[in-house]
Amino acid sequence: MRWVVRVLLISPGSTNVIQMARALLESAGPFTRLIADQGYDANHLRELIAARGAQAVLPSTISRKAYDT
């Protein structure tokens, strides 16, 4: 399988990565899976990804309880 990076967004180092999530999704075009790190583990992001018919491949944070989509 070949991975293709579609979008690269650069922000100031003090910006929390989840703040860039909506812009990332809007810029990405169609996708079936979104792979990201724990910084993107938020219910609202998982819901946005599911609404696009895609799968969120995100490791859960320590504080996360089960999330079903």
C-alpha atoms as a PDB file:
ATOM      1  CA  MET A   1       0.000   0.000   0.000  1.00  0.00           C
ATOM      2  CA  ARG A   2       1.272   3.451  -0.861  1.00  0.00           C
ATOM      3  CA  TRP A   3       0.508   6.383   1.448  1.00  0.00           C
ATOM      4  CA  VAL A   4      -0.108   9.785  -0.075  1.00  0.00           C
ATOM      5  CA  VAL A   5       0.030  12.974   1.965  1.00  0.00           C
ATOM      6  CA  ARG A   6      -2.721  15.213   0.613  1.00  0.00           C
ATOM      7  CA  VAL A   7      -2.559  18.169   2.954  1.00  0.00           C
ATOM      8  CA  LEU A   8       0.155  19.796   5.039  1.00  0.00           C
ATOM      9  CA  LEU A   9      -0.894  22.626   7.319  1.00  0.00           C
ATOM     10  CA  ILE A  10       1.717  24.545   9.264  1.00  0.00           C
ATOM     11  CA  SER A  11       0.754  26.494  12.367  1.00  0.00           C
ATOM     12  CA  PRO A  12       2.577  28.273  15.160  1.00  0.00           C
ATOM     13  CA  GLY A  13       4.038  25.905  17.731  1.00  0.00           C
ATOM     14  CA  SER A  14       1.664  27.240  20.370  1.00  0.00           C
ATOM     15  CA  THR A  15      -1.438  26.182  18.389  1.00  0.00           C
ATOM     16  CA  ASN A  16      -3.193  23.060  19.632  1.00  0.00           C
ATOM     17  CA  VAL A  17      -3.430  20.615  16.703  1.00  0.00           C
ATOM     18  CA  ILE A  18      -7.150  19.997  17.188  1.00  0.00           C
ATOM     19  CA  GLN A  19      -7.725  23.660  16.280  1.00  0.00           C
ATOM     20  CA  MET A  20      -6.465  22.839  12.771  1.00  0.00           C
ATOM     21  CA  ALA A  21      -8.694  19.771  12.347  1.00  0.00           C
ATOM     22  CA  ARG A  22     -11.624  21.386  10.513  1.00  0.00           C
ATOM     23  CA  ALA A  23      -9.312  23.127   8.025  1.00  0.00           C
ATOM     24  CA  LEU A  24      -7.495  19.842   7.507  1.00  0.00           C
ATOM     25  CA  LEU A  25     -10.721  17.991   6.708  1.00  0.00           C
ATOM     26  CA  GLU A  26     -11.964  20.733   4.379  1.00  0.00           C
ATOM     27  CA  SER A  27      -8.673  20.721   2.468  1.00  0.00           C
ATOM     28  CA  ALA A  28      -8.257  16.949   2.220  1.00  0.00           C
ATOM     29  CA  GLY A  29     -10.865  16.140  -0.417  1.00  0.00           C
ATOM     30  CA  PRO A  30     -12.482  12.699  -0.376  1.00  0.00           C
ATOM     31  CA  PHE A  31     -10.953  10.017   1.845  1.00  0.00           C
ATOM     32  CA  THR A  32     -11.953   6.708   3.409  1.00  0.00           C
ATOM     33  CA  ARG A  33      -9.674   6.845   6.475  1.00  0.00           C
ATOM     34  CA  LEU A  34      -8.071   9.607   8.442  1.00  0.00           C
ATOM     35  CA  ILE A  35      -4.942   8.570  10.298  1.00  0.00           C
ATOM     36  CA  ALA A  36      -3.664  10.945  12.959  1.00  0.00           C
ATOM     37  CA  ASP A  37      -2.093  10.989  16.402  1.00  0.00           C
ATOM     38  CA  GLN A  38      -3.661  11.392  19.843  1.00  0.00           C
ATOM     39  CA  GLY A  39      -3.774  15.150  19.470  1.00  0.00           C
ATOM     40  CA  TYR A  40      -6.744  14.721  17.132  1.00  0.00           C
ATOM     41  CA  ASP A  41      -8.731  12.440  19.457  1.00  0.00           C
ATOM     42  CA  ALA A  42     -11.925  14.428  20.073  1.00  0.00           C
ATOM     43  CA  ASN A  43     -15.571  13.475  19.767  1.00  0.00           C
ATOM     44  CA  HIS A  44     -16.408  16.400  17.476  1.00  0.00           C
ATOM     45  CA  LEU A  45     -13.639  15.405  15.059  1.00  0.00           C
ATOM     46  CA  ARG A  46     -14.681  11.747  15.081  1.00  0.00           C
ATOM     47  CA  GLU A  47     -18.246  12.880  14.305  1.00  0.00           C
ATOM     48  CA  LEU A  48     -17.062  15.065  11.387  1.00  0.00           C
ATOM     49  CA  ILE A  49     -15.083  12.160   9.952  1.00  0.00           C
ATOM     50  CA  ALA A  50     -18.015   9.754  10.346  1.00  0.00           C
ATOM     51  CA  ALA A  51     -20.342  12.288   8.673  1.00  0.00           C
ATOM     52  CA  ARG A  52     -18.073  12.097   5.618  1.00  0.00           C
ATOM     53  CA  GLY A  53     -18.469   8.326   5.593  1.00  0.00           C
ATOM     54  CA  ALA A  54     -14.853   7.767   6.577  1.00  0.00           C
ATOM     55  CA  GLN A  55     -13.119   5.887   9.370  1.00  0.00           C
ATOM     56  CA  ALA A  56     -11.146   7.653  12.099  1.00  0.00           C
ATOM     57  CA  VAL A  57      -7.886   5.830  12.832  1.00  0.00           C
ATOM     58  CA  LEU A  58      -6.905   7.678  15.987  1.00  0.00           C
ATOM     59  CA  PRO A  59      -5.244   6.337  19.116  1.00  0.00           C
ATOM     60  CA  SER A  60      -7.333   7.242  22.138  1.00  0.00           C
ATOM     61  CA  THR A  61      -6.114   9.536  24.851  1.00  0.00           C
ATOM     62  CA  ILE A  62      -5.726   8.096  28.343  1.00  0.00           C
ATOM     63  CA  SER A  63      -8.837   9.934  29.527  1.00  0.00           C
ATOM     64  CA  ARG A  64     -11.091   8.577  26.746  1.00  0.00           C
ATOM     65  CA  LYS A  65     -13.910   6.277  27.585  1.00  0.00           C
ATOM     66  CA  ALA A  66     -15.223   3.964  24.852  1.00  0.00           C
ATOM     67  CA  TYR A  67     -16.344   5.718  21.676  1.00  0.00           C
ATOM     68  CA  ASP A  68     -18.640   3.945  19.252  1.00  0.00           C
ATOM     69  CA  THR A  69     -19.292   5.185  15.716  1.00  0.00           C
END
